[in-house]
Every structure is written in structure tokens, then in C-alpha cells.
Amino acid sequence: TRGALMKKAESKLATTTTGEGEAMAMTPGGASSSSRALVHDDKRRPLHIVLVLSRSTTMKKVGVMKDLKDSVTSLIRQLNPKDQCAIVSYATDVTIDFPLTAMDSVGKAAAVIALEGVKP
């Protein structure tokens, strides 16, 4: 359920502060994203993104799913808190792996956890 996924994300998310008041979030994979490293344009409208990922047998080729997940994770980390993202996957059926959620630090962590569960 969404509540359980968000709770899991909150428990795996550790936030710390560098000496300069800069927030840094540690994601479940251990990578960090600095608030200064991301481009946040407060003047743009929030994005509402639905990522549609294939789980077909072609995704079983060596490295294909890993490359896809790495790219999606990178995109998720670039989103700002006003943006929303969902993950949908398909093969012979369609699955909503992650509902449309605000991409604050907890939302990003939950999206990455949900992405890890997508398998061909």
C-alpha cells in the first residue's frame, strides 16, 4: 500500500546538514543529492510525470533493466518538491507500481524503492 511504502521510505531516509546550511538527503541506494546540485526554477509550473516502463522479456537482456533503472533514478533525483511522479510498468498486464506523489525527499526515496521492485 502507499502508506506502507511511504513509511518504509521515511525509515530509510537520513537527512543531514553540511556545515553551510545545505541539506543533503541520503537515498536508500546510499547516493546523495545536494540541494545546490539540482536546478530548481521556482517560476516554472510543477511537473506531473508518469513514467511508463516495459517489463517485457526484452528487458531481461544483460544490463538493460539496470540502465533503465539508473536513468529513471537520475530523473527522479532531479525533480523538485512541487513536481509529482508516478511509475507504471507493463508486460502482458499493466501495474501501477507507484502512485502520483510529490517529489519531496520522502517521495523521491519511496519512488526509488518502488522502482527497485519493477522486474521483467
PDB file of N, CA and C in Angstrom:
ATOM      1  N   THR A   1       0.831  -1.182   0.000  1.00  0.00           N
ATOM      2  CA  THR A   1       0.000   0.000   0.000  1.00  0.00           C
ATOM      3  C   THR A   1       0.875   1.243   0.000  1.00  0.00           C
ATOM      4  N   ARG A   2       0.286   2.353  -0.391  1.00  0.00           N
ATOM      5  CA  ARG A   2       1.036   3.604  -0.473  1.00  0.00           C
ATOM      6  C   ARG A   2       1.561   4.013   0.899  1.00  0.00           C
ATOM      7  N   GLY A   3       0.741   3.866   1.936  1.00  0.00           N
ATOM      8  CA  GLY A   3       1.164   4.245   3.278  1.00  0.00           C
ATOM      9  C   GLY A   3       2.369   3.452   3.751  1.00  0.00           C
ATOM     10  N   ALA A   4       2.364   2.153   3.482  1.00  0.00           N
ATOM     11  CA  ALA A   4       3.482   1.305   3.882  1.00  0.00           C
ATOM     12  C   ALA A   4       4.750   1.675   3.118  1.00  0.00           C
ATOM     13  N   LEU A   5       4.599   1.979   1.835  1.00  0.00           N
ATOM     14  CA  LEU A   5       5.742   2.367   1.018  1.00  0.00           C
ATOM     15  C   LEU A   5       6.339   3.678   1.512  1.00  0.00           C
ATOM     16  N   MET A   6       5.498   4.651   1.834  1.00  0.00           N
ATOM     17  CA  MET A   6       5.989   5.937   2.331  1.00  0.00           C
ATOM     18  C   MET A   6       6.659   5.768   3.697  1.00  0.00           C
ATOM     19  N   LYS A   7       6.099   4.907   4.548  1.00  0.00           N
ATOM     20  CA  LYS A   7       6.692   4.663   5.864  1.00  0.00           C
ATOM     21  C   LYS A   7       8.067   4.020   5.708  1.00  0.00           C
ATOM     22  N   LYS A   8       8.175   3.067   4.773  1.00  0.00           N
ATOM     23  CA  LYS A   8       9.454   2.413   4.516  1.00  0.00           C
ATOM     24  C   LYS A   8      10.473   3.431   4.016  1.00  0.00           C
ATOM     25  N   ALA A   9      10.035   4.328   3.136  1.00  0.00           N
ATOM     26  CA  ALA A   9      10.935   5.355   2.609  1.00  0.00           C
ATOM     27  C   ALA A   9      11.408   6.278   3.724  1.00  0.00           C
ATOM     28  N   GLU A  10      10.499   6.688   4.595  1.00  0.00           N
ATOM     29  CA  GLU A  10      10.871   7.571   5.701  1.00  0.00           C
ATOM     30  C   GLU A  10      11.890   6.906   6.612  1.00  0.00           C
ATOM     31  N   SER A  11      11.744   5.605   6.835  1.00  0.00           N
ATOM     32  CA  SER A  11      12.665   4.912   7.729  1.00  0.00           C
ATOM     33  C   SER A  11      14.042   4.743   7.102  1.00  0.00           C
ATOM     34  N   LYS A  12      14.127   4.731   5.767  1.00  0.00           N
ATOM     35  CA  LYS A  12      15.410   4.553   5.097  1.00  0.00           C
ATOM     36  C   LYS A  12      16.071   5.867   4.725  1.00  0.00           C
ATOM     37  N   LEU A  13      15.389   6.962   4.935  1.00  0.00           N
ATOM     38  CA  LEU A  13      15.896   8.263   4.521  1.00  0.00           C
ATOM     39  C   LEU A  13      16.574   8.940   5.698  1.00  0.00           C
ATOM     40  N   ALA A  14      17.818   9.310   5.522  1.00  0.00           N
ATOM     41  CA  ALA A  14      18.540  10.031   6.568  1.00  0.00           C
ATOM     42  C   ALA A  14      18.902  11.400   6.025  1.00  0.00           C
ATOM     43  N   THR A  15      18.562  12.421   6.748  1.00  0.00           N
ATOM     44  CA  THR A  15      18.885  13.772   6.305  1.00  0.00           C
ATOM     45  C   THR A  15      19.930  14.351   7.235  1.00  0.00           C
ATOM     46  N   THR A  16      20.891  15.001   6.668  1.00  0.00           N
ATOM     47  CA  THR A  16      21.937  15.632   7.450  1.00  0.00           C
ATOM     48  C   THR A  16      22.157  17.033   6.903  1.00  0.00           C
ATOM     49  N   THR A  17      22.904  17.818   7.601  1.00  0.00           N
ATOM     50  CA  THR A  17      23.204  19.166   7.140  1.00  0.00           C
ATOM     51  C   THR A  17      24.705  19.313   7.037  1.00  0.00           C
ATOM     52  N   THR A  18      25.171  19.856   5.927  1.00  0.00           N
ATOM     53  CA  THR A  18      26.584  20.171   5.808  1.00  0.00           C
ATOM     54  C   THR A  18      26.810  21.417   6.640  1.00  0.00           C
ATOM     55  N   GLY A  19      27.991  21.839   6.848  1.00  0.00           N
ATOM     56  CA  GLY A  19      28.264  22.991   7.694  1.00  0.00           C
ATOM     57  C   GLY A  19      27.684  24.300   7.190  1.00  0.00           C
ATOM     58  N   GLU A  20      27.254  24.348   5.943  1.00  0.00           N
ATOM     59  CA  GLU A  20      26.826  25.606   5.343  1.00  0.00           C
ATOM     60  C   GLU A  20      25.312  25.730   5.263  1.00  0.00           C
ATOM     61  N   GLY A  21      24.567  24.965   6.031  1.00  0.00           N
ATOM     62  CA  GLY A  21      23.119  25.034   5.998  1.00  0.00           C
ATOM     63  C   GLY A  21      22.517  24.375   4.777  1.00  0.00           C
ATOM     64  N   GLU A  22      23.309  23.615   4.067  1.00  0.00           N
ATOM     65  CA  GLU A  22      22.860  22.940   2.856  1.00  0.00           C
ATOM     66  C   GLU A  22      22.341  21.557   3.229  1.00  0.00           C
ATOM     67  N   ALA A  23      21.094  21.277   2.887  1.00  0.00           N
ATOM     68  CA  ALA A  23      20.519  19.971   3.209  1.00  0.00           C
ATOM     69  C   ALA A  23      21.001  18.941   2.207  1.00  0.00           C
ATOM     70  N   MET A  24      21.281  17.762   2.698  1.00  0.00           N
ATOM     71  CA  MET A  24      21.698  16.672   1.840  1.00  0.00           C
ATOM     72  C   MET A  24      20.890  15.447   2.235  1.00  0.00           C
ATOM     73  N   ALA A  25      20.292  14.775   1.276  1.00  0.00           N
ATOM     74  CA  ALA A  25      19.469  13.604   1.571  1.00  0.00           C
ATOM     75  C   ALA A  25      20.185  12.353   1.109  1.00  0.00           C
ATOM     76  N   MET A  26      20.217  11.362   1.960  1.00  0.00           N
ATOM     77  CA  MET A  26      20.777  10.065   1.592  1.00  0.00           C
ATOM     78  C   MET A  26      19.630   9.175   1.156  1.00  0.00           C
ATOM     79  N   THR A  27      19.722   8.665  -0.046  1.00  0.00           N
ATOM     80  CA  THR A  27      18.666   7.813  -0.570  1.00  0.00           C
ATOM     81  C   THR A  27      18.951   6.367  -0.207  1.00  0.00           C
ATOM     82  N   PRO A  28      17.977   5.474  -0.374  1.00  0.00           N
ATOM     83  CA  PRO A  28      18.167   4.081   0.002  1.00  0.00           C
ATOM     84  C   PRO A  28      19.384   3.432  -0.642  1.00  0.00           C
ATOM     85  N   GLY A  29      19.745   3.853  -1.848  1.00  0.00           N
ATOM     86  CA  GLY A  29      20.914   3.295  -2.518  1.00  0.00           C
ATOM     87  C   GLY A  29      22.220   3.835  -1.970  1.00  0.00           C
ATOM     88  N   GLY A  30      22.144   4.804  -1.075  1.00  0.00           N
ATOM     89  CA  GLY A  30      23.343   5.358  -0.482  1.00  0.00           C
ATOM     90  C   GLY A  30      23.865   6.592  -1.204  1.00  0.00           C
ATOM     91  N   ALA A  31      23.357   6.882  -2.382  1.00  0.00           N
ATOM     92  CA  ALA A  31      23.806   8.060  -3.112  1.00  0.00           C
ATOM     93  C   ALA A  31      23.208   9.298  -2.463  1.00  0.00           C
ATOM     94  N   SER A  32      23.896  10.389  -2.599  1.00  0.00           N
ATOM     95  CA  SER A  32      23.356  11.614  -2.019  1.00  0.00           C
ATOM     96  C   SER A  32      23.036  12.604  -3.117  1.00  0.00           C
ATOM     97  N   SER A  33      22.102  13.462  -2.831  1.00  0.00           N
ATOM     98  CA  SER A  33      21.797  14.535  -3.771  1.00  0.00           C
ATOM     99  C   SER A  33      21.815  15.841  -3.000  1.00  0.00           C
ATOM    100  N   SER A  34      22.593  16.758  -3.464  1.00  0.00           N
ATOM    101  CA  SER A  34      22.721  18.043  -2.801  1.00  0.00           C
ATOM    102  C   SER A  34      21.711  19.015  -3.372  1.00  0.00           C
ATOM    103  N   SER A  35      21.127  19.821  -2.505  1.00  0.00           N
ATOM    104  CA  SER A  35      20.137  20.790  -2.977  1.00  0.00           C
ATOM    105  C   SER A  35      20.766  21.809  -3.918  1.00  0.00           C
ATOM    106  N   ARG A  36      22.052  22.048  -3.782  1.00  0.00           N
ATOM    107  CA  ARG A  36      22.724  23.005  -4.673  1.00  0.00           C
ATOM    108  C   ARG A  36      23.028  22.392  -6.033  1.00  0.00           C
ATOM    109  N   ALA A  37      23.086  21.078  -6.119  1.00  0.00           N
ATOM    110  CA  ALA A  37      23.427  20.421  -7.377  1.00  0.00           C
ATOM    111  C   ALA A  37      22.249  20.390  -8.336  1.00  0.00           C
ATOM    112  N   LEU A  38      21.054  20.540  -7.826  1.00  0.00           N
ATOM    113  CA  LEU A  38      19.866  20.458  -8.662  1.00  0.00           C
ATOM    114  C   LEU A  38      19.426  21.836  -9.117  1.00  0.00           C
ATOM    115  N   VAL A  39      18.859  21.881 -10.309  1.00  0.00           N
ATOM    116  CA  VAL A  39      18.345  23.138 -10.835  1.00  0.00           C
ATOM    117  C   VAL A  39      16.881  23.241 -10.460  1.00  0.00           C
ATOM    118  N   HIS A  40      16.539  24.242  -9.663  1.00  0.00           N
ATOM    119  CA  HIS A  40      15.149  24.461  -9.258  1.00  0.00           C
ATOM    120  C   HIS A  40      14.710  25.811  -9.791  1.00  0.00           C
ATOM    121  N   ASP A  41      13.824  25.790 -10.732  1.00  0.00           N
ATOM    122  CA  ASP A  41      13.283  27.020 -11.295  1.00  0.00           C
ATOM    123  C   ASP A  41      11.916  27.246 -10.667  1.00  0.00           C
ATOM    124  N   ASP A  42      11.848  28.139  -9.694  1.00  0.00           N
ATOM    125  CA  ASP A  42      10.592  28.397  -8.987  1.00  0.00           C
ATOM    126  C   ASP A  42       9.526  29.008  -9.885  1.00  0.00           C
ATOM    127  N   LYS A  43       9.926  29.523 -11.045  1.00  0.00           N
ATOM    128  CA  LYS A  43       8.974  30.166 -11.941  1.00  0.00           C
ATOM    129  C   LYS A  43       8.255  29.169 -12.845  1.00  0.00           C
ATOM    130  N   ARG A  44       8.791  27.985 -12.989  1.00  0.00           N
ATOM    131  CA  ARG A  44       8.141  27.016 -13.873  1.00  0.00           C
ATOM    132  C   ARG A  44       6.992  26.326 -13.153  1.00  0.00           C
ATOM    133  N   ARG A  45       6.060  25.845 -13.931  1.00  0.00           N
ATOM    134  CA  ARG A  45       4.933  25.104 -13.363  1.00  0.00           C
ATOM    135  C   ARG A  45       5.423  23.743 -12.875  1.00  0.00           C
ATOM    136  N   PRO A  46       4.792  23.205 -11.841  1.00  0.00           N
ATOM    137  CA  PRO A  46       5.165  21.863 -11.378  1.00  0.00           C
ATOM    138  C   PRO A  46       4.912  20.825 -12.474  1.00  0.00           C
ATOM    139  N   LEU A  47       5.776  19.840 -12.521  1.00  0.00           N
ATOM    140  CA  LEU A  47       5.630  18.751 -13.480  1.00  0.00           C
ATOM    141  C   LEU A  47       4.799  17.636 -12.871  1.00  0.00           C
ATOM    142  N   HIS A  48       3.993  16.985 -13.683  1.00  0.00           N
ATOM    143  CA  HIS A  48       3.241  15.795 -13.286  1.00  0.00           C
ATOM    144  C   HIS A  48       3.640  14.719 -14.288  1.00  0.00           C
ATOM    145  N   ILE A  49       4.522  13.827 -13.862  1.00  0.00           N
ATOM    146  CA  ILE A  49       5.139  12.856 -14.760  1.00  0.00           C
ATOM    147  C   ILE A  49       4.672  11.449 -14.420  1.00  0.00           C
ATOM    148  N   VAL A  50       4.269  10.707 -15.444  1.00  0.00           N
ATOM    149  CA  VAL A  50       4.000   9.281 -15.288  1.00  0.00           C
ATOM    150  C   VAL A  50       5.044   8.556 -16.130  1.00  0.00           C
ATOM    151  N   LEU A  51       5.915   7.822 -15.463  1.00  0.00           N
ATOM    152  CA  LEU A  51       6.945   7.054 -16.147  1.00  0.00           C
ATOM    153  C   LEU A  51       6.366   5.684 -16.480  1.00  0.00           C
ATOM    154  N   VAL A  52       6.380   5.325 -17.746  1.00  0.00           N
ATOM    155  CA  VAL A  52       5.824   4.052 -18.198  1.00  0.00           C
ATOM    156  C   VAL A  52       6.994   3.176 -18.623  1.00  0.00           C
ATOM    157  N   LEU A  53       7.200   2.076 -17.886  1.00  0.00           N
ATOM    158  CA  LEU A  53       8.357   1.204 -18.081  1.00  0.00           C
ATOM    159  C   LEU A  53       7.936  -0.174 -18.575  1.00  0.00           C
ATOM    160  N   SER A  54       8.693  -0.704 -19.502  1.00  0.00           N
ATOM    161  CA  SER A  54       8.428  -2.046 -20.014  1.00  0.00           C
ATOM    162  C   SER A  54       9.004  -3.098 -19.068  1.00  0.00           C
ATOM    163  N   ARG A  55       8.239  -4.161 -18.848  1.00  0.00           N
ATOM    164  CA  ARG A  55       8.711  -5.339 -18.118  1.00  0.00           C
ATOM    165  C   ARG A  55       8.761  -6.531 -19.064  1.00  0.00           C
ATOM    166  N   SER A  56       8.776  -6.274 -20.363  1.00  0.00           N
ATOM    167  CA  SER A  56       8.731  -7.354 -21.350  1.00  0.00           C
ATOM    168  C   SER A  56      10.015  -8.180 -21.300  1.00  0.00           C
ATOM    169  N   THR A  57      10.000  -9.305 -21.993  1.00  0.00           N
ATOM    170  CA  THR A  57      11.154 -10.212 -21.977  1.00  0.00           C
ATOM    171  C   THR A  57      12.408  -9.559 -22.553  1.00  0.00           C
ATOM    172  N   THR A  58      12.265  -8.572 -23.424  1.00  0.00           N
ATOM    173  CA  THR A  58      13.452  -7.895 -23.958  1.00  0.00           C
ATOM    174  C   THR A  58      14.217  -7.150 -22.866  1.00  0.00           C
ATOM    175  N   MET A  59      13.554  -6.818 -21.789  1.00  0.00           N
ATOM    176  CA  MET A  59      14.212  -6.118 -20.684  1.00  0.00           C
ATOM    177  C   MET A  59      15.097  -7.055 -19.863  1.00  0.00           C
ATOM    178  N   LYS A  60      15.028  -8.374 -20.148  1.00  0.00           N
ATOM    179  CA  LYS A  60      15.853  -9.343 -19.428  1.00  0.00           C
ATOM    180  C   LYS A  60      17.281  -9.397 -19.959  1.00  0.00           C
ATOM    181  N   LYS A  61      17.533  -8.764 -21.102  1.00  0.00           N
ATOM    182  CA  LYS A  61      18.892  -8.751 -21.641  1.00  0.00           C
ATOM    183  C   LYS A  61      19.821  -8.107 -20.620  1.00  0.00           C
ATOM    184  N   VAL A  62      21.045  -8.601 -20.579  1.00  0.00           N
ATOM    185  CA  VAL A  62      22.014  -8.151 -19.584  1.00  0.00           C
ATOM    186  C   VAL A  62      22.173  -6.628 -19.611  1.00  0.00           C
ATOM    187  N   GLY A  63      21.949  -6.015 -18.473  1.00  0.00           N
ATOM    188  CA  GLY A  63      22.179  -4.591 -18.297  1.00  0.00           C
ATOM    189  C   GLY A  63      21.053  -3.665 -18.718  1.00  0.00           C
ATOM    190  N   VAL A  64      20.070  -4.171 -19.468  1.00  0.00           N
ATOM    191  CA  VAL A  64      19.013  -3.296 -19.980  1.00  0.00           C
ATOM    192  C   VAL A  64      18.171  -2.720 -18.844  1.00  0.00           C
ATOM    193  N   MET A  65      17.685  -3.564 -17.960  1.00  0.00           N
ATOM    194  CA  MET A  65      16.846  -3.090 -16.851  1.00  0.00           C
ATOM    195  C   MET A  65      17.655  -2.214 -15.898  1.00  0.00           C
ATOM    196  N   LYS A  66      18.908  -2.589 -15.652  1.00  0.00           N
ATOM    197  CA  LYS A  66      19.756  -1.778 -14.769  1.00  0.00           C
ATOM    198  C   LYS A  66      19.951  -0.383 -15.354  1.00  0.00           C
ATOM    199  N   ASP A  67      20.229  -0.299 -16.655  1.00  0.00           N
ATOM    200  CA  ASP A  67      20.405   1.006 -17.298  1.00  0.00           C
ATOM    201  C   ASP A  67      19.129   1.838 -17.214  1.00  0.00           C
ATOM    202  N   LEU A  68      17.987   1.192 -17.442  1.00  0.00           N
ATOM    203  CA  LEU A  68      16.705   1.892 -17.350  1.00  0.00           C
ATOM    204  C   LEU A  68      16.495   2.433 -15.939  1.00  0.00           C
ATOM    205  N   LYS A  69      16.714   1.579 -14.937  1.00  0.00           N
ATOM    206  CA  LYS A  69      16.511   1.998 -13.546  1.00  0.00           C
ATOM    207  C   LYS A  69      17.479   3.110 -13.148  1.00  0.00           C
ATOM    208  N   ASP A  70      18.723   3.032 -13.620  1.00  0.00           N
ATOM    209  CA  ASP A  70      19.692   4.092 -13.324  1.00  0.00           C
ATOM    210  C   ASP A  70      19.234   5.425 -13.910  1.00  0.00           C
ATOM    211  N   SER A  71      18.731   5.388 -15.141  1.00  0.00           N
ATOM    212  CA  SER A  71      18.252   6.614 -15.798  1.00  0.00           C
ATOM    213  C   SER A  71      17.034   7.191 -15.085  1.00  0.00           C
ATOM    214  N   VAL A  72      16.098   6.321 -14.719  1.00  0.00           N
ATOM    215  CA  VAL A  72      14.887   6.776 -14.034  1.00  0.00           C
ATOM    216  C   VAL A  72      15.240   7.341 -12.657  1.00  0.00           C
ATOM    217  N   THR A  73      16.142   6.685 -11.953  1.00  0.00           N
ATOM    218  CA  THR A  73      16.579   7.176 -10.641  1.00  0.00           C
ATOM    219  C   THR A  73      17.199   8.563 -10.772  1.00  0.00           C
ATOM    220  N   SER A  74      18.019   8.756 -11.785  1.00  0.00           N
ATOM    221  CA  SER A  74      18.627  10.060 -12.026  1.00  0.00           C
ATOM    222  C   SER A  74      17.559  11.119 -12.288  1.00  0.00           C
ATOM    223  N   LEU A  75      16.565  10.781 -13.082  1.00  0.00           N
ATOM    224  CA  LEU A  75      15.479  11.718 -13.368  1.00  0.00           C
ATOM    225  C   LEU A  75      14.710  12.059 -12.096  1.00  0.00           C
ATOM    226  N   ILE A  76      14.390  11.058 -11.297  1.00  0.00           N
ATOM    227  CA  ILE A  76      13.650  11.274 -10.047  1.00  0.00           C
ATOM    228  C   ILE A  76      14.409  12.243  -9.145  1.00  0.00           C
ATOM    229  N   ARG A  77      15.705  12.065  -9.049  1.00  0.00           N
ATOM    230  CA  ARG A  77      16.517  12.918  -8.172  1.00  0.00           C
ATOM    231  C   ARG A  77      16.563  14.364  -8.646  1.00  0.00           C
ATOM    232  N   GLN A  78      16.296  14.605  -9.922  1.00  0.00           N
ATOM    233  CA  GLN A  78      16.327  15.961 -10.479  1.00  0.00           C
ATOM    234  C   GLN A  78      15.026  16.728 -10.231  1.00  0.00           C
ATOM    235  N   LEU A  79      13.965  16.037  -9.856  1.00  0.00           N
ATOM    236  CA  LEU A  79      12.666  16.686  -9.678  1.00  0.00           C
ATOM    237  C   LEU A  79      12.656  17.529  -8.409  1.00  0.00           C
ATOM    238  N   ASN A  80      11.841  18.577  -8.417  1.00  0.00           N
ATOM    239  CA  ASN A  80      11.756  19.395  -7.211  1.00  0.00           C
ATOM    240  C   ASN A  80      10.500  19.022  -6.420  1.00  0.00           C
ATOM    241  N   PRO A  81      10.387  19.473  -5.179  1.00  0.00           N
ATOM    242  CA  PRO A  81       9.285  19.047  -4.313  1.00  0.00           C
ATOM    243  C   PRO A  81       7.880  19.357  -4.827  1.00  0.00           C
ATOM    244  N   LYS A  82       7.743  20.333  -5.714  1.00  0.00           N
ATOM    245  CA  LYS A  82       6.422  20.651  -6.259  1.00  0.00           C
ATOM    246  C   LYS A  82       6.031  19.714  -7.399  1.00  0.00           C
ATOM    247  N   ASP A  83       7.013  18.994  -7.948  1.00  0.00           N
ATOM    248  CA  ASP A  83       6.739  18.046  -9.024  1.00  0.00           C
ATOM    249  C   ASP A  83       6.096  16.794  -8.454  1.00  0.00           C
ATOM    250  N   GLN A  84       5.359  16.088  -9.300  1.00  0.00           N
ATOM    251  CA  GLN A  84       4.777  14.806  -8.908  1.00  0.00           C
ATOM    252  C   GLN A  84       5.194  13.760  -9.929  1.00  0.00           C
ATOM    253  N   CYS A  85       5.363  12.540  -9.467  1.00  0.00           N
ATOM    254  CA  CYS A  85       5.806  11.461 -10.334  1.00  0.00           C
ATOM    255  C   CYS A  85       5.059  10.181  -9.973  1.00  0.00           C
ATOM    256  N   ALA A  86       4.771   9.381 -10.997  1.00  0.00           N
ATOM    257  CA  ALA A  86       4.182   8.053 -10.817  1.00  0.00           C
ATOM    258  C   ALA A  86       4.979   7.080 -11.678  1.00  0.00           C
ATOM    259  N   ILE A  87       4.948   5.809 -11.301  1.00  0.00           N
ATOM    260  CA  ILE A  87       5.617   4.766 -12.087  1.00  0.00           C
ATOM    261  C   ILE A  87       4.598   3.694 -12.427  1.00  0.00           C
ATOM    262  N   VAL A  88       4.479   3.418 -13.724  1.00  0.00           N
ATOM    263  CA  VAL A  88       3.585   2.384 -14.244  1.00  0.00           C
ATOM    264  C   VAL A  88       4.448   1.447 -15.078  1.00  0.00           C
ATOM    265  N   SER A  89       4.250   0.144 -14.928  1.00  0.00           N
ATOM    266  CA  SER A  89       5.001  -0.810 -15.749  1.00  0.00           C
ATOM    267  C   SER A  89       4.030  -1.733 -16.476  1.00  0.00           C
ATOM    268  N   TYR A  90       4.524  -2.308 -17.574  1.00  0.00           N
ATOM    269  CA  TYR A  90       3.664  -3.186 -18.368  1.00  0.00           C
ATOM    270  C   TYR A  90       4.472  -4.324 -18.977  1.00  0.00           C
ATOM    271  N   ALA A  91       3.806  -5.409 -19.211  1.00  0.00           N
ATOM    272  CA  ALA A  91       4.286  -6.553 -19.996  1.00  0.00           C
ATOM    273  C   ALA A  91       3.029  -7.083 -20.665  1.00  0.00           C
ATOM    274  N   THR A  92       2.475  -8.190 -20.143  1.00  0.00           N
ATOM    275  CA  THR A  92       1.169  -8.641 -20.634  1.00  0.00           C
ATOM    276  C   THR A  92       0.048  -7.981 -19.844  1.00  0.00           C
ATOM    277  N   ASP A  93       0.414  -7.329 -18.742  1.00  0.00           N
ATOM    278  CA  ASP A  93      -0.546  -6.597 -17.916  1.00  0.00           C
ATOM    279  C   ASP A  93       0.063  -5.246 -17.548  1.00  0.00           C
ATOM    280  N   VAL A  94      -0.734  -4.385 -16.976  1.00  0.00           N
ATOM    281  CA  VAL A  94      -0.273  -3.061 -16.555  1.00  0.00           C
ATOM    282  C   VAL A  94      -0.350  -2.994 -15.035  1.00  0.00           C
ATOM    283  N   THR A  95       0.698  -2.458 -14.422  1.00  0.00           N
ATOM    284  CA  THR A  95       0.767  -2.342 -12.965  1.00  0.00           C
ATOM    285  C   THR A  95       1.103  -0.904 -12.584  1.00  0.00           C
ATOM    286  N   ILE A  96       0.370  -0.361 -11.632  1.00  0.00           N
ATOM    287  CA  ILE A  96       0.742   0.933 -11.056  1.00  0.00           C
ATOM    288  C   ILE A  96       1.689   0.615  -9.904  1.00  0.00           C
ATOM    289  N   ASP A  97       2.977   0.817 -10.143  1.00  0.00           N
ATOM    290  CA  ASP A  97       3.996   0.482  -9.154  1.00  0.00           C
ATOM    291  C   ASP A  97       4.160   1.569  -8.100  1.00  0.00           C
ATOM    292  N   PHE A  98       3.833   2.811  -8.485  1.00  0.00           N
ATOM    293  CA  PHE A  98       3.986   3.943  -7.573  1.00  0.00           C
ATOM    294  C   PHE A  98       2.989   5.017  -7.994  1.00  0.00           C
ATOM    295  N   PRO A  99       2.065   5.390  -7.122  1.00  0.00           N
ATOM    296  CA  PRO A  99       1.040   6.385  -7.487  1.00  0.00           C
ATOM    297  C   PRO A  99       1.641   7.790  -7.584  1.00  0.00           C
ATOM    298  N   LEU A 100       0.940   8.675  -8.238  1.00  0.00           N
ATOM    299  CA  LEU A 100       1.379  10.056  -8.387  1.00  0.00           C
ATOM    300  C   LEU A 100       1.610  10.656  -6.999  1.00  0.00           C
ATOM    301  N   THR A 101       2.846  11.081  -6.753  1.00  0.00           N
ATOM    302  CA  THR A 101       3.272  11.524  -5.428  1.00  0.00           C
ATOM    303  C   THR A 101       4.194  12.731  -5.562  1.00  0.00           C
ATOM    304  N   ALA A 102       4.104  13.659  -4.626  1.00  0.00           N
ATOM    305  CA  ALA A 102       5.005  14.815  -4.602  1.00  0.00           C
ATOM    306  C   ALA A 102       6.442  14.339  -4.409  1.00  0.00           C
ATOM    307  N   MET A 103       7.366  14.974  -5.115  1.00  0.00           N
ATOM    308  CA  MET A 103       8.755  14.553  -5.085  1.00  0.00           C
ATOM    309  C   MET A 103       9.588  15.336  -4.076  1.00  0.00           C
ATOM    310  N   ASP A 104       9.083  15.348  -2.832  1.00  0.00           N
ATOM    311  CA  ASP A 104       9.911  15.844  -1.737  1.00  0.00           C
ATOM    312  C   ASP A 104      10.900  14.723  -1.419  1.00  0.00           C
ATOM    313  N   SER A 105      11.722  14.869  -0.407  1.00  0.00           N
ATOM    314  CA  SER A 105      12.759  13.863  -0.139  1.00  0.00           C
ATOM    315  C   SER A 105      12.169  12.486   0.157  1.00  0.00           C
ATOM    316  N   VAL A 106      11.072  12.433   0.890  1.00  0.00           N
ATOM    317  CA  VAL A 106      10.434  11.146   1.199  1.00  0.00           C
ATOM    318  C   VAL A 106       9.803  10.554  -0.057  1.00  0.00           C
ATOM    319  N   GLY A 107       9.156  11.380  -0.863  1.00  0.00           N
ATOM    320  CA  GLY A 107       8.552  10.910  -2.107  1.00  0.00           C
ATOM    321  C   GLY A 107       9.587  10.345  -3.063  1.00  0.00           C
ATOM    322  N   LYS A 108      10.737  11.015  -3.166  1.00  0.00           N
ATOM    323  CA  LYS A 108      11.815  10.524  -4.031  1.00  0.00           C
ATOM    324  C   LYS A 108      12.325   9.175  -3.542  1.00  0.00           C
ATOM    325  N   ALA A 109      12.544   9.065  -2.236  1.00  0.00           N
ATOM    326  CA  ALA A 109      13.031   7.801  -1.681  1.00  0.00           C
ATOM    327  C   ALA A 109      12.023   6.682  -1.927  1.00  0.00           C
ATOM    328  N   ALA A 110      10.744   6.974  -1.752  1.00  0.00           N
ATOM    329  CA  ALA A 110       9.698   5.970  -1.980  1.00  0.00           C
ATOM    330  C   ALA A 110       9.629   5.574  -3.452  1.00  0.00           C
ATOM    331  N   ALA A 111       9.807   6.538  -4.355  1.00  0.00           N
ATOM    332  CA  ALA A 111       9.785   6.239  -5.790  1.00  0.00           C
ATOM    333  C   ALA A 111      10.937   5.316  -6.167  1.00  0.00           C
ATOM    334  N   VAL A 112      12.113   5.565  -5.607  1.00  0.00           N
ATOM    335  CA  VAL A 112      13.276   4.717  -5.897  1.00  0.00           C
ATOM    336  C   VAL A 112      13.059   3.308  -5.342  1.00  0.00           C
ATOM    337  N   ILE A 113      12.480   3.201  -4.155  1.00  0.00           N
ATOM    338  CA  ILE A 113      12.174   1.880  -3.586  1.00  0.00           C
ATOM    339  C   ILE A 113      11.185   1.140  -4.485  1.00  0.00           C
ATOM    340  N   ALA A 114      10.149   1.836  -4.940  1.00  0.00           N
ATOM    341  CA  ALA A 114       9.164   1.212  -5.835  1.00  0.00           C
ATOM    342  C   ALA A 114       9.824   0.786  -7.142  1.00  0.00           C
ATOM    343  N   LEU A 115      10.709   1.615  -7.666  1.00  0.00           N
ATOM    344  CA  LEU A 115      11.417   1.303  -8.906  1.00  0.00           C
ATOM    345  C   LEU A 115      12.245   0.034  -8.759  1.00  0.00           C
ATOM    346  N   GLU A 116      12.869  -0.147  -7.606  1.00  0.00           N
ATOM    347  CA  GLU A 116      13.671  -1.349  -7.358  1.00  0.00           C
ATOM    348  C   GLU A 116      12.830  -2.612  -7.481  1.00  0.00           C
ATOM    349  N   GLY A 117      11.532  -2.515  -7.205  1.00  0.00           N
ATOM    350  CA  GLY A 117      10.643  -3.670  -7.268  1.00  0.00           C
ATOM    351  C   GLY A 117      10.154  -4.025  -8.662  1.00  0.00           C
ATOM    352  N   VAL A 118      10.417  -3.176  -9.655  1.00  0.00           N
ATOM    353  CA  VAL A 118       9.978  -3.459 -11.029  1.00  0.00           C
ATOM    354  C   VAL A 118      10.931  -4.486 -11.636  1.00  0.00           C
ATOM    355  N   LYS A 119      10.391  -5.632 -12.019  1.00  0.00           N
ATOM    356  CA  LYS A 119      11.193  -6.733 -12.585  1.00  0.00           C
ATOM    357  C   LYS A 119      10.588  -7.182 -13.909  1.00  0.00           C
ATOM    358  N   PRO A 120      11.459  -7.565 -14.867  1.00  0.00           N
ATOM    359  CA  PRO A 120      10.917  -8.086 -16.140  1.00  0.00           C
ATOM    360  C   PRO A 120      10.279  -9.454 -15.964  1.00  0.00           C
TER     361      PRO A 120
END
